[in-house]
Amino acid sequence: MIGNLKVIAIAIVLIVLGVGIAVFVSYENKRFNDDIKNSISNNEKNYIIGNYSEYQKYFQVNKQGQTILKVSDFNTFIDGTYYSNWHVNNDFDLCLGYYVIDKLEDGSVAVDDSHICDYID
């Protein structure tokens, strides 16, 4: 009887450890992927801000009165170099959307990329 209790206790401990490790690995994987997405997002925003004058010719005003830059227009030639930007949604489907560009009162530019996958392609 005591031998069976030891086996059950060891099995429970192993299950708890396995679940704990799985949760930890899942959390670390999600954090790693989020860091990559934020890094890409920041690089894209900085690139749009840095090349604001070049991208101005692609700006449009949508129905809400926002100045937007379509994701497909962000994929373009600048100074003889082609810059390509591909986004996927949570289902890993290629998607299209737009950036919202705001010229602030102090002359700086703010880029909102929360709409980059509003139109699924």
PDB file of N, CA and C in Angstrom:
ATOM      1  N   MET A   1       0.821  -1.198   0.000  1.00  0.00           N
ATOM      2  CA  MET A   1       0.000   0.000   0.000  1.00  0.00           C
ATOM      3  C   MET A   1       0.870   1.270   0.000  1.00  0.00           C
ATOM      4  N   ILE A   2       1.928   1.259   0.811  1.00  0.00           N
ATOM      5  CA  ILE A   2       2.803   2.423   0.875  1.00  0.00           C
ATOM      6  C   ILE A   2       3.549   2.575  -0.444  1.00  0.00           C
ATOM      7  N   GLY A   3       3.908   1.467  -1.088  1.00  0.00           N
ATOM      8  CA  GLY A   3       4.571   1.520  -2.382  1.00  0.00           C
ATOM      9  C   GLY A   3       3.692   2.157  -3.437  1.00  0.00           C
ATOM     10  N   ASN A   4       2.376   1.854  -3.392  1.00  0.00           N
ATOM     11  CA  ASN A   4       1.437   2.465  -4.352  1.00  0.00           C
ATOM     12  C   ASN A   4       1.298   3.966  -4.120  1.00  0.00           C
ATOM     13  N   LEU A   5       1.306   4.387  -2.844  1.00  0.00           N
ATOM     14  CA  LEU A   5       1.202   5.813  -2.535  1.00  0.00           C
ATOM     15  C   LEU A   5       2.427   6.575  -3.048  1.00  0.00           C
ATOM     16  N   LYS A   6       3.598   5.944  -2.926  1.00  0.00           N
ATOM     17  CA  LYS A   6       4.820   6.583  -3.443  1.00  0.00           C
ATOM     18  C   LYS A   6       4.739   6.751  -4.958  1.00  0.00           C
ATOM     19  N   VAL A   7       4.263   5.728  -5.644  1.00  0.00           N
ATOM     20  CA  VAL A   7       4.139   5.804  -7.104  1.00  0.00           C
ATOM     21  C   VAL A   7       3.146   6.892  -7.488  1.00  0.00           C
ATOM     22  N   ILE A   8       2.025   6.961  -6.789  1.00  0.00           N
ATOM     23  CA  ILE A   8       1.009   7.995  -7.076  1.00  0.00           C
ATOM     24  C   ILE A   8       1.579   9.382  -6.782  1.00  0.00           C
ATOM     25  N   ALA A   9       2.289   9.519  -5.656  1.00  0.00           N
ATOM     26  CA  ALA A   9       2.878  10.817  -5.301  1.00  0.00           C
ATOM     27  C   ALA A   9       3.904  11.252  -6.342  1.00  0.00           C
ATOM     28  N   ILE A  10       4.750  10.323  -6.761  1.00  0.00           N
ATOM     29  CA  ILE A  10       5.750  10.645  -7.782  1.00  0.00           C
ATOM     30  C   ILE A  10       5.071  11.021  -9.091  1.00  0.00           C
ATOM     31  N   ALA A  11       4.014  10.317  -9.478  1.00  0.00           N
ATOM     32  CA  ALA A  11       3.277  10.629 -10.705  1.00  0.00           C
ATOM     33  C   ALA A  11       2.652  12.020 -10.632  1.00  0.00           C
ATOM     34  N   ILE A  12       2.078  12.347  -9.476  1.00  0.00           N
ATOM     35  CA  ILE A  12       1.462  13.683  -9.309  1.00  0.00           C
ATOM     36  C   ILE A  12       2.531  14.762  -9.395  1.00  0.00           C
ATOM     37  N   VAL A  13       3.670  14.533  -8.746  1.00  0.00           N
ATOM     38  CA  VAL A  13       4.761  15.516  -8.798  1.00  0.00           C
ATOM     39  C   VAL A  13       5.248  15.691 -10.230  1.00  0.00           C
ATOM     40  N   LEU A  14       5.415  14.604 -10.957  1.00  0.00           N
ATOM     41  CA  LEU A  14       5.861  14.693 -12.352  1.00  0.00           C
ATOM     42  C   LEU A  14       4.842  15.416 -13.224  1.00  0.00           C
ATOM     43  N   ILE A  15       3.568  15.178 -13.011  1.00  0.00           N
ATOM     44  CA  ILE A  15       2.522  15.863 -13.787  1.00  0.00           C
ATOM     45  C   ILE A  15       2.549  17.359 -13.493  1.00  0.00           C
ATOM     46  N   VAL A  16       2.647  17.705 -12.202  1.00  0.00           N
ATOM     47  CA  VAL A  16       2.693  19.126 -11.828  1.00  0.00           C
ATOM     48  C   VAL A  16       3.930  19.791 -12.428  1.00  0.00           C
ATOM     49  N   LEU A  17       5.085  19.128 -12.348  1.00  0.00           N
ATOM     50  CA  LEU A  17       6.301  19.690 -12.948  1.00  0.00           C
ATOM     51  C   LEU A  17       6.155  19.835 -14.468  1.00  0.00           C
ATOM     52  N   GLY A  18       5.591  18.830 -15.115  1.00  0.00           N
ATOM     53  CA  GLY A  18       5.395  18.889 -16.569  1.00  0.00           C
ATOM     54  C   GLY A  18       4.489  20.035 -16.972  1.00  0.00           C
ATOM     55  N   VAL A  19       3.383  20.204 -16.256  1.00  0.00           N
ATOM     56  CA  VAL A  19       2.459  21.307 -16.559  1.00  0.00           C
ATOM     57  C   VAL A  19       3.141  22.647 -16.297  1.00  0.00           C
ATOM     58  N   GLY A  20       3.903  22.726 -15.208  1.00  0.00           N
ATOM     59  CA  GLY A  20       4.616  23.970 -14.899  1.00  0.00           C
ATOM     60  C   GLY A  20       5.621  24.332 -15.977  1.00  0.00           C
ATOM     61  N   ILE A  21       6.374  23.352 -16.431  1.00  0.00           N
ATOM     62  CA  ILE A  21       7.351  23.599 -17.496  1.00  0.00           C
ATOM     63  C   ILE A  21       6.643  23.997 -18.790  1.00  0.00           C
ATOM     64  N   ALA A  22       5.535  23.337 -19.112  1.00  0.00           N
ATOM     65  CA  ALA A  22       4.791  23.674 -20.337  1.00  0.00           C
ATOM     66  C   ALA A  22       4.261  25.106 -20.286  1.00  0.00           C
ATOM     67  N   VAL A  23       3.739  25.505 -19.121  1.00  0.00           N
ATOM     68  CA  VAL A  23       3.235  26.878 -18.977  1.00  0.00           C
ATOM     69  C   VAL A  23       4.375  27.873 -19.104  1.00  0.00           C
ATOM     70  N   PHE A  24       5.506  27.580 -18.472  1.00  0.00           N
ATOM     71  CA  PHE A  24       6.655  28.479 -18.538  1.00  0.00           C
ATOM     72  C   PHE A  24       7.164  28.629 -19.974  1.00  0.00           C
ATOM     73  N   VAL A  25       7.309  27.526 -20.682  1.00  0.00           N
ATOM     74  CA  VAL A  25       7.794  27.567 -22.071  1.00  0.00           C
ATOM     75  C   VAL A  25       6.802  28.328 -22.946  1.00  0.00           C
ATOM     76  N   SER A  26       5.515  28.110 -22.744  1.00  0.00           N
ATOM     77  CA  SER A  26       4.495  28.819 -23.521  1.00  0.00           C
ATOM     78  C   SER A  26       4.562  30.325 -23.271  1.00  0.00           C
ATOM     79  N   TYR A  27       4.720  30.711 -22.007  1.00  0.00           N
ATOM     80  CA  TYR A  27       4.823  32.127 -21.663  1.00  0.00           C
ATOM     81  C   TYR A  27       6.064  32.753 -22.305  1.00  0.00           C
ATOM     82  N   GLU A  28       7.193  32.081 -22.203  1.00  0.00           N
ATOM     83  CA  GLU A  28       8.434  32.601 -22.787  1.00  0.00           C
ATOM     84  C   GLU A  28       8.328  32.717 -24.307  1.00  0.00           C
ATOM     85  N   ASN A  29       7.676  31.757 -24.938  1.00  0.00           N
ATOM     86  CA  ASN A  29       7.485  31.786 -26.387  1.00  0.00           C
ATOM     87  C   ASN A  29       6.614  32.973 -26.784  1.00  0.00           C
ATOM     88  N   LYS A  30       5.531  33.203 -26.050  1.00  0.00           N
ATOM     89  CA  LYS A  30       4.651  34.338 -26.346  1.00  0.00           C
ATOM     90  C   LYS A  30       5.394  35.660 -26.146  1.00  0.00           C
ATOM     91  N   ARG A  31       6.155  35.762 -25.063  1.00  0.00           N
ATOM     92  CA  ARG A  31       6.906  36.987 -24.796  1.00  0.00           C
ATOM     93  C   ARG A  31       7.942  37.238 -25.893  1.00  0.00           C
ATOM     94  N   PHE A  32       8.624  36.197 -26.339  1.00  0.00           N
ATOM     95  CA  PHE A  32       9.601  36.308 -27.408  1.00  0.00           C
ATOM     96  C   PHE A  32       8.946  36.798 -28.697  1.00  0.00           C
ATOM     97  N   ASN A  33       7.809  36.211 -29.062  1.00  0.00           N
ATOM     98  CA  ASN A  33       7.091  36.626 -30.274  1.00  0.00           C
ATOM     99  C   ASN A  33       6.583  38.052 -30.171  1.00  0.00           C
ATOM    100  N   ASP A  34       6.098  38.447 -28.993  1.00  0.00           N
ATOM    101  CA  ASP A  34       5.643  39.823 -28.804  1.00  0.00           C
ATOM    102  C   ASP A  34       6.799  40.809 -28.928  1.00  0.00           C
ATOM    103  N   ASP A  35       7.966  40.445 -28.410  1.00  0.00           N
ATOM    104  CA  ASP A  35       9.146  41.306 -28.536  1.00  0.00           C
ATOM    105  C   ASP A  35       9.528  41.498 -29.998  1.00  0.00           C
ATOM    106  N   ILE A  36       9.456  40.433 -30.784  1.00  0.00           N
ATOM    107  CA  ILE A  36       9.769  40.526 -32.210  1.00  0.00           C
ATOM    108  C   ILE A  36       8.766  41.436 -32.913  1.00  0.00           C
ATOM    109  N   LYS A  37       7.465  41.255 -32.624  1.00  0.00           N
ATOM    110  CA  LYS A  37       6.436  42.102 -33.241  1.00  0.00           C
ATOM    111  C   LYS A  37       6.642  43.566 -32.879  1.00  0.00           C
ATOM    112  N   ASN A  38       6.956  43.848 -31.618  1.00  0.00           N
ATOM    113  CA  ASN A  38       7.185  45.236 -31.202  1.00  0.00           C
ATOM    114  C   ASN A  38       8.418  45.816 -31.874  1.00  0.00           C
ATOM    115  N   SER A  39       9.453  45.032 -32.024  1.00  0.00           N
ATOM    116  CA  SER A  39      10.657  45.498 -32.687  1.00  0.00           C
ATOM    117  C   SER A  39      10.381  45.830 -34.145  1.00  0.00           C
ATOM    118  N   ILE A  40       9.664  44.944 -34.829  1.00  0.00           N
ATOM    119  CA  ILE A  40       9.305  45.202 -36.230  1.00  0.00           C
ATOM    120  C   ILE A  40       8.437  46.440 -36.322  1.00  0.00           C
ATOM    121  N   SER A  41       7.451  46.542 -35.431  1.00  0.00           N
ATOM    122  CA  SER A  41       6.547  47.691 -35.429  1.00  0.00           C
ATOM    123  C   SER A  41       7.315  48.996 -35.242  1.00  0.00           C
ATOM    124  N   ASN A  42       8.223  49.022 -34.272  1.00  0.00           N
ATOM    125  CA  ASN A  42       9.006  50.236 -34.028  1.00  0.00           C
ATOM    126  C   ASN A  42       9.898  50.575 -35.212  1.00  0.00           C
ATOM    127  N   ASN A  43      10.498  49.570 -35.835  1.00  0.00           N
ATOM    128  CA  ASN A  43      11.342  49.824 -37.007  1.00  0.00           C
ATOM    129  C   ASN A  43      10.520  50.410 -38.148  1.00  0.00           C
ATOM    130  N   GLU A  44       9.320  49.860 -38.385  1.00  0.00           N
ATOM    131  CA  GLU A  44       8.470  50.380 -39.457  1.00  0.00           C
ATOM    132  C   GLU A  44       8.049  51.814 -39.173  1.00  0.00           C
ATOM    133  N   LYS A  45       7.636  52.090 -37.941  1.00  0.00           N
ATOM    134  CA  LYS A  45       7.228  53.450 -37.586  1.00  0.00           C
ATOM    135  C   LYS A  45       8.382  54.431 -37.782  1.00  0.00           C
ATOM    136  N   ASN A  46       9.554  54.051 -37.289  1.00  0.00           N
ATOM    137  CA  ASN A  46      10.722  54.928 -37.437  1.00  0.00           C
ATOM    138  C   ASN A  46      11.084  55.135 -38.902  1.00  0.00           C
ATOM    139  N   TYR A  47      10.922  54.103 -39.711  1.00  0.00           N
ATOM    140  CA  TYR A  47      11.240  54.239 -41.123  1.00  0.00           C
ATOM    141  C   TYR A  47      10.261  55.188 -41.820  1.00  0.00           C
ATOM    142  N   ILE A  48       8.981  55.069 -41.485  1.00  0.00           N
ATOM    143  CA  ILE A  48       7.981  55.973 -42.070  1.00  0.00           C
ATOM    144  C   ILE A  48       8.253  57.404 -41.635  1.00  0.00           C
ATOM    145  N   ILE A  49       8.554  57.592 -40.352  1.00  0.00           N
ATOM    146  CA  ILE A  49       8.841  58.938 -39.846  1.00  0.00           C
ATOM    147  C   ILE A  49      10.109  59.488 -40.507  1.00  0.00           C
ATOM    148  N   GLY A  50      11.124  58.656 -40.634  1.00  0.00           N
ATOM    149  CA  GLY A  50      12.386  59.090 -41.239  1.00  0.00           C
ATOM    150  C   GLY A  50      12.258  59.430 -42.714  1.00  0.00           C
ATOM    151  N   ASN A  51      11.312  58.820 -43.394  1.00  0.00           N
ATOM    152  CA  ASN A  51      11.106  59.058 -44.828  1.00  0.00           C
ATOM    153  C   ASN A  51       9.751  59.715 -45.083  1.00  0.00           C
ATOM    154  N   TYR A  52       9.335  60.542 -44.143  1.00  0.00           N
ATOM    155  CA  TYR A  52       8.018  61.195 -44.209  1.00  0.00           C
ATOM    156  C   TYR A  52       7.823  61.954 -45.513  1.00  0.00           C
ATOM    157  N   SER A  53       8.809  62.714 -45.911  1.00  0.00           N
ATOM    158  CA  SER A  53       8.665  63.526 -47.118  1.00  0.00           C
ATOM    159  C   SER A  53       8.499  62.658 -48.358  1.00  0.00           C
ATOM    160  N   GLU A  54       9.174  61.503 -48.403  1.00  0.00           N
ATOM    161  CA  GLU A  54       9.044  60.591 -49.546  1.00  0.00           C
ATOM    162  C   GLU A  54       7.671  59.932 -49.577  1.00  0.00           C
ATOM    163  N   TYR A  55       7.162  59.563 -48.397  1.00  0.00           N
ATOM    164  CA  TYR A  55       5.884  58.857 -48.339  1.00  0.00           C
ATOM    165  C   TYR A  55       4.674  59.784 -48.455  1.00  0.00           C
ATOM    166  N   GLN A  56       4.863  61.087 -48.332  1.00  0.00           N
ATOM    167  CA  GLN A  56       3.747  62.021 -48.412  1.00  0.00           C
ATOM    168  C   GLN A  56       2.933  61.854 -49.691  1.00  0.00           C
ATOM    169  N   LYS A  57       3.591  61.484 -50.775  1.00  0.00           N
ATOM    170  CA  LYS A  57       2.864  61.353 -52.038  1.00  0.00           C
ATOM    171  C   LYS A  57       1.890  60.183 -52.009  1.00  0.00           C
ATOM    172  N   TYR A  58       2.036  59.262 -51.058  1.00  0.00           N
ATOM    173  CA  TYR A  58       1.130  58.122 -50.947  1.00  0.00           C
ATOM    174  C   TYR A  58       0.024  58.335 -49.911  1.00  0.00           C
ATOM    175  N   PHE A  59       0.079  59.417 -49.163  1.00  0.00           N
ATOM    176  CA  PHE A  59      -0.911  59.655 -48.115  1.00  0.00           C
ATOM    177  C   PHE A  59      -2.286  59.871 -48.718  1.00  0.00           C
ATOM    178  N   GLN A  60      -3.295  59.369 -48.019  1.00  0.00           N
ATOM    179  CA  GLN A  60      -4.688  59.565 -48.399  1.00  0.00           C
ATOM    180  C   GLN A  60      -5.465  59.948 -47.152  1.00  0.00           C
ATOM    181  N   VAL A  61      -6.626  60.518 -47.350  1.00  0.00           N
ATOM    182  CA  VAL A  61      -7.516  60.813 -46.229  1.00  0.00           C
ATOM    183  C   VAL A  61      -8.696  59.861 -46.344  1.00  0.00           C
ATOM    184  N   ASN A  62      -8.948  59.092 -45.275  1.00  0.00           N
ATOM    185  CA  ASN A  62     -10.054  58.129 -45.324  1.00  0.00           C
ATOM    186  C   ASN A  62     -11.368  58.773 -44.894  1.00  0.00           C
ATOM    187  N   LYS A  63     -12.426  57.992 -44.806  1.00  0.00           N
ATOM    188  CA  LYS A  63     -13.758  58.504 -44.483  1.00  0.00           C
ATOM    189  C   LYS A  63     -13.832  59.118 -43.090  1.00  0.00           C
ATOM    190  N   GLN A  64     -12.963  58.658 -42.192  1.00  0.00           N
ATOM    191  CA  GLN A  64     -12.947  59.202 -40.830  1.00  0.00           C
ATOM    192  C   GLN A  64     -12.110  60.478 -40.717  1.00  0.00           C
ATOM    193  N   GLY A  65     -11.540  60.925 -41.819  1.00  0.00           N
ATOM    194  CA  GLY A  65     -10.727  62.129 -41.823  1.00  0.00           C
ATOM    195  C   GLY A  65      -9.290  61.897 -41.373  1.00  0.00           C
ATOM    196  N   GLN A  66      -8.880  60.637 -41.279  1.00  0.00           N
ATOM    197  CA  GLN A  66      -7.515  60.325 -40.877  1.00  0.00           C
ATOM    198  C   GLN A  66      -6.604  60.306 -42.095  1.00  0.00           C
ATOM    199  N   THR A  67      -5.388  60.783 -41.898  1.00  0.00           N
ATOM    200  CA  THR A  67      -4.375  60.666 -42.939  1.00  0.00           C
ATOM    201  C   THR A  67      -3.777  59.282 -42.816  1.00  0.00           C
ATOM    202  N   ILE A  68      -3.847  58.531 -43.905  1.00  0.00           N
ATOM    203  CA  ILE A  68      -3.384  57.136 -43.847  1.00  0.00           C
ATOM    204  C   ILE A  68      -2.336  56.858 -44.913  1.00  0.00           C
ATOM    205  N   LEU A  69      -1.528  55.840 -44.649  1.00  0.00           N
ATOM    206  CA  LEU A  69      -0.587  55.290 -45.609  1.00  0.00           C
ATOM    207  C   LEU A  69      -0.919  53.816 -45.698  1.00  0.00           C
ATOM    208  N   LYS A  70      -1.331  53.363 -46.885  1.00  0.00           N
ATOM    209  CA  LYS A  70      -1.683  51.954 -47.038  1.00  0.00           C
ATOM    210  C   LYS A  70      -0.432  51.095 -46.924  1.00  0.00           C
ATOM    211  N   VAL A  71      -0.595  49.904 -46.345  1.00  0.00           N
ATOM    212  CA  VAL A  71       0.531  48.983 -46.192  1.00  0.00           C
ATOM    213  C   VAL A  71       1.152  48.682 -47.545  1.00  0.00           C
ATOM    214  N   SER A  72       0.303  48.544 -48.575  1.00  0.00           N
ATOM    215  CA  SER A  72       0.834  48.245 -49.910  1.00  0.00           C
ATOM    216  C   SER A  72       1.662  49.400 -50.462  1.00  0.00           C
ATOM    217  N   ASP A  73       1.364  50.637 -50.058  1.00  0.00           N
ATOM    218  CA  ASP A  73       2.160  51.776 -50.496  1.00  0.00           C
ATOM    219  C   ASP A  73       3.461  51.905 -49.717  1.00  0.00           C
ATOM    220  N   PHE A  74       3.512  51.271 -48.543  1.00  0.00           N
ATOM    221  CA  PHE A  74       4.756  51.268 -47.780  1.00  0.00           C
ATOM    222  C   PHE A  74       5.776  50.375 -48.478  1.00  0.00           C
ATOM    223  N   ASN A  75       5.295  49.422 -49.274  1.00  0.00           N
ATOM    224  CA  ASN A  75       6.178  48.560 -50.074  1.00  0.00           C
ATOM    225  C   ASN A  75       6.524  49.299 -51.346  1.00  0.00           C
ATOM    226  N   THR A  76       7.626  49.977 -51.357  1.00  0.00           N
ATOM    227  CA  THR A  76       7.912  50.859 -52.480  1.00  0.00           C
ATOM    228  C   THR A  76       9.417  51.075 -52.649  1.00  0.00           C
ATOM    229  N   PHE A  77       9.783  51.729 -53.743  1.00  0.00           N
ATOM    230  CA  PHE A  77      11.165  52.116 -53.974  1.00  0.00           C
ATOM    231  C   PHE A  77      11.429  53.453 -53.302  1.00  0.00           C
ATOM    232  N   ILE A  78      12.528  53.531 -52.579  1.00  0.00           N
ATOM    233  CA  ILE A  78      12.987  54.805 -52.031  1.00  0.00           C
ATOM    234  C   ILE A  78      14.478  54.884 -52.302  1.00  0.00           C
ATOM    235  N   ASP A  79      14.884  55.908 -52.992  1.00  0.00           N
ATOM    236  CA  ASP A  79      16.290  56.103 -53.355  1.00  0.00           C
ATOM    237  C   ASP A  79      16.873  54.872 -54.035  1.00  0.00           C
ATOM    238  N   GLY A  80      16.087  54.258 -54.930  1.00  0.00           N
ATOM    239  CA  GLY A  80      16.572  53.129 -55.703  1.00  0.00           C
ATOM    240  C   GLY A  80      16.559  51.790 -54.984  1.00  0.00           C
ATOM    241  N   THR A  81      16.075  51.763 -53.739  1.00  0.00           N
ATOM    242  CA  THR A  81      16.017  50.509 -52.978  1.00  0.00           C
ATOM    243  C   THR A  81      14.557  50.162 -52.724  1.00  0.00           C
ATOM    244  N   TYR A  82      14.192  48.897 -52.964  1.00  0.00           N
ATOM    245  CA  TYR A  82      12.818  48.457 -52.732  1.00  0.00           C
ATOM    246  C   TYR A  82      12.667  47.974 -51.302  1.00  0.00           C
ATOM    247  N   TYR A  83      11.706  48.552 -50.595  1.00  0.00           N
ATOM    248  CA  TYR A  83      11.424  48.159 -49.218  1.00  0.00           C
ATOM    249  C   TYR A  83      10.106  47.402 -49.203  1.00  0.00           C
ATOM    250  N   SER A  84      10.162  46.166 -48.728  1.00  0.00           N
ATOM    251  CA  SER A  84       8.992  45.312 -48.719  1.00  0.00           C
ATOM    252  C   SER A  84       8.549  45.067 -47.289  1.00  0.00           C
ATOM    253  N   ASN A  85       7.251  45.090 -47.079  1.00  0.00           N
ATOM    254  CA  ASN A  85       6.693  44.924 -45.764  1.00  0.00           C
ATOM    255  C   ASN A  85       5.495  43.995 -45.874  1.00  0.00           C
ATOM    256  N   TRP A  86       5.565  42.831 -45.276  1.00  0.00           N
ATOM    257  CA  TRP A  86       4.462  41.870 -45.326  1.00  0.00           C
ATOM    258  C   TRP A  86       3.951  41.623 -43.921  1.00  0.00           C
ATOM    259  N   HIS A  87       2.659  41.677 -43.767  1.00  0.00           N
ATOM    260  CA  HIS A  87       2.059  41.427 -42.463  1.00  0.00           C
ATOM    261  C   HIS A  87       1.165  40.211 -42.539  1.00  0.00           C
ATOM    262  N   VAL A  88       1.074  39.517 -41.419  1.00  0.00           N
ATOM    263  CA  VAL A  88       0.153  38.394 -41.302  1.00  0.00           C
ATOM    264  C   VAL A  88      -0.716  38.620 -40.075  1.00  0.00           C
ATOM    265  N   ASN A  89      -1.955  38.105 -40.147  1.00  0.00           N
ATOM    266  CA  ASN A  89      -2.830  38.202 -38.985  1.00  0.00           C
ATOM    267  C   ASN A  89      -2.555  37.033 -38.047  1.00  0.00           C
ATOM    268  N   ASN A  90      -3.373  36.886 -37.023  1.00  0.00           N
ATOM    269  CA  ASN A  90      -3.136  35.828 -36.030  1.00  0.00           C
ATOM    270  C   ASN A  90      -3.278  34.429 -36.610  1.00  0.00           C
ATOM    271  N   ASP A  91      -3.969  34.297 -37.730  1.00  0.00           N
ATOM    272  CA  ASP A  91      -4.107  33.000 -38.385  1.00  0.00           C
ATOM    273  C   ASP A  91      -3.023  32.783 -39.436  1.00  0.00           C
ATOM    274  N   PHE A  92      -2.044  33.663 -39.473  1.00  0.00           N
ATOM    275  CA  PHE A  92      -0.933  33.618 -40.427  1.00  0.00           C
ATOM    276  C   PHE A  92      -1.409  33.779 -41.866  1.00  0.00           C
ATOM    277  N   ASP A  93      -2.494  34.527 -42.059  1.00  0.00           N
ATOM    278  CA  ASP A  93      -2.954  34.891 -43.393  1.00  0.00           C
ATOM    279  C   ASP A  93      -2.323  36.236 -43.748  1.00  0.00           C
ATOM    280  N   LEU A  94      -1.892  36.374 -45.002  1.00  0.00           N
ATOM    281  CA  LEU A  94      -1.378  37.660 -45.457  1.00  0.00           C
ATOM    282  C   LEU A  94      -2.489  38.699 -45.367  1.00  0.00           C
ATOM    283  N   CYS A  95      -2.169  39.857 -44.892  1.00  0.00           N
ATOM    284  CA  CYS A  95      -3.226  40.856 -44.738  1.00  0.00           C
ATOM    285  C   CYS A  95      -2.709  42.244 -45.125  1.00  0.00           C
ATOM    286  N   LEU A  96      -3.633  43.095 -45.421  1.00  0.00           N
ATOM    287  CA  LEU A  96      -3.348  44.480 -45.785  1.00  0.00           C
ATOM    288  C   LEU A  96      -4.154  45.415 -44.905  1.00  0.00           C
ATOM    289  N   GLY A  97      -3.651  46.577 -44.747  1.00  0.00           N
ATOM    290  CA  GLY A  97      -4.342  47.590 -43.968  1.00  0.00           C
ATOM    291  C   GLY A  97      -3.685  48.929 -44.220  1.00  0.00           C
ATOM    292  N   TYR A  98      -3.560  49.710 -43.164  1.00  0.00           N
ATOM    293  CA  TYR A  98      -2.996  51.046 -43.315  1.00  0.00           C
ATOM    294  C   TYR A  98      -2.398  51.531 -42.003  1.00  0.00           C
ATOM    295  N   TYR A  99      -1.512  52.515 -42.123  1.00  0.00           N
ATOM    296  CA  TYR A  99      -0.957  53.227 -40.992  1.00  0.00           C
ATOM    297  C   TYR A  99      -1.690  54.562 -40.893  1.00  0.00           C
ATOM    298  N   VAL A 100      -1.965  55.021 -39.685  1.00  0.00           N
ATOM    299  CA  VAL A 100      -2.542  56.344 -39.486  1.00  0.00           C
ATOM    300  C   VAL A 100      -1.385  57.287 -39.168  1.00  0.00           C
ATOM    301  N   ILE A 101      -1.263  58.338 -39.971  1.00  0.00           N
ATOM    302  CA  ILE A 101      -0.166  59.293 -39.837  1.00  0.00           C
ATOM    303  C   ILE A 101      -0.716  60.602 -39.284  1.00  0.00           C
ATOM    304  N   ASP A 102      -0.148  61.055 -38.175  1.00  0.00           N
ATOM    305  CA  ASP A 102      -0.568  62.323 -37.576  1.00  0.00           C
ATOM    306  C   ASP A 102       0.619  63.262 -37.480  1.00  0.00           C
ATOM    307  N   LYS A 103       0.455  64.445 -38.030  1.00  0.00           N
ATOM    308  CA  LYS A 103       1.474  65.495 -37.880  1.00  0.00           C
ATOM    309  C   LYS A 103       1.055  66.297 -36.647  1.00  0.00           C
ATOM    310  N   LEU A 104       1.853  66.248 -35.605  1.00  0.00           N
ATOM    311  CA  LEU A 104       1.517  66.891 -34.344  1.00  0.00           C
ATOM    312  C   LEU A 104       1.849  68.377 -34.387  1.00  0.00           C
ATOM    313  N   GLU A 105       1.301  69.110 -33.422  1.00  0.00           N
ATOM    314  CA  GLU A 105       1.479  70.566 -33.386  1.00  0.00           C
ATOM    315  C   GLU A 105       2.950  70.972 -33.242  1.00  0.00           C
ATOM    316  N   ASP A 106       3.735  70.137 -32.571  1.00  0.00           N
ATOM    317  CA  ASP A 106       5.144  70.479 -32.382  1.00  0.00           C
ATOM    318  C   ASP A 106       6.010  70.116 -33.589  1.00  0.00           C
ATOM    319  N   GLY A 107       5.357  69.639 -34.675  1.00  0.00           N
ATOM    320  CA  GLY A 107       6.074  69.314 -35.900  1.00  0.00           C
ATOM    321  C   GLY A 107       6.498  67.865 -35.999  1.00  0.00           C
ATOM    322  N   SER A 108       6.336  67.115 -34.923  1.00  0.00           N
ATOM    323  CA  SER A 108       6.724  65.705 -34.979  1.00  0.00           C
ATOM    324  C   SER A 108       5.624  64.878 -35.643  1.00  0.00           C
ATOM    325  N   VAL A 109       5.967  63.661 -35.997  1.00  0.00           N
ATOM    326  CA  VAL A 109       5.039  62.776 -36.697  1.00  0.00           C
ATOM    327  C   VAL A 109       4.771  61.558 -35.812  1.00  0.00           C
ATOM    328  N   ALA A 110       3.483  61.199 -35.694  1.00  0.00           N
ATOM    329  CA  ALA A 110       3.096  60.002 -34.946  1.00  0.00           C
ATOM    330  C   ALA A 110       2.505  59.004 -35.927  1.00  0.00           C
ATOM    331  N   VAL A 111       2.887  57.741 -35.778  1.00  0.00           N
ATOM    332  CA  VAL A 111       2.408  56.688 -36.659  1.00  0.00           C
ATOM    333  C   VAL A 111       1.684  55.641 -35.814  1.00  0.00           C
ATOM    334  N   ASP A 112       0.434  55.359 -36.171  1.00  0.00           N
ATOM    335  CA  ASP A 112      -0.359  54.335 -35.496  1.00  0.00           C
ATOM    336  C   ASP A 112      -0.471  53.136 -36.430  1.00  0.00           C
ATOM    337  N   ASP A 113       0.065  51.986 -35.993  1.00  0.00           N
ATOM    338  CA  ASP A 113       0.035  50.809 -36.857  1.00  0.00           C
ATOM    339  C   ASP A 113      -0.984  49.760 -36.397  1.00  0.00           C
ATOM    340  N   SER A 114      -1.987  50.190 -35.664  1.00  0.00           N
ATOM    341  CA  SER A 114      -2.983  49.235 -35.162  1.00  0.00           C
ATOM    342  C   SER A 114      -3.967  48.782 -36.238  1.00  0.00           C
ATOM    343  N   HIS A 115      -3.881  49.342 -37.436  1.00  0.00           N
ATOM    344  CA  HIS A 115      -4.812  48.988 -38.517  1.00  0.00           C
ATOM    345  C   HIS A 115      -4.121  48.265 -39.674  1.00  0.00           C
ATOM    346  N   ILE A 116      -2.906  47.732 -39.458  1.00  0.00           N
ATOM    347  CA  ILE A 116      -2.161  47.156 -40.570  1.00  0.00           C
ATOM    348  C   ILE A 116      -2.774  45.881 -41.118  1.00  0.00           C
ATOM    349  N   CYS A 117      -3.680  45.269 -40.388  1.00  0.00           N
ATOM    350  CA  CYS A 117      -4.321  44.042 -40.886  1.00  0.00           C
ATOM    351  C   CYS A 117      -5.839  44.185 -40.937  1.00  0.00           C
ATOM    352  N   ASP A 118      -6.327  45.392 -41.143  1.00  0.00           N
ATOM    353  CA  ASP A 118      -7.787  45.592 -41.209  1.00  0.00           C
ATOM    354  C   ASP A 118      -8.406  44.988 -42.452  1.00  0.00           C
ATOM    355  N   TYR A 119      -7.646  44.906 -43.528  1.00  0.00           N
ATOM    356  CA  TYR A 119      -8.171  44.332 -44.779  1.00  0.00           C
ATOM    357  C   TYR A 119      -7.420  43.040 -45.050  1.00  0.00           C
ATOM    358  N   ILE A 120      -8.077  41.917 -44.924  1.00  0.00           N
ATOM    359  CA  ILE A 120      -7.418  40.640 -45.172  1.00  0.00           C
ATOM    360  C   ILE A 120      -7.325  40.432 -46.669  1.00  0.00           C
ATOM    361  N   ASP A 121      -6.139  40.090 -47.139  1.00  0.00           N
ATOM    362  CA  ASP A 121      -5.900  39.884 -48.568  1.00  0.00           C
ATOM    363  C   ASP A 121      -6.065  38.425 -48.917  1.00  0.00           C
TER     364      ASP A 121
END
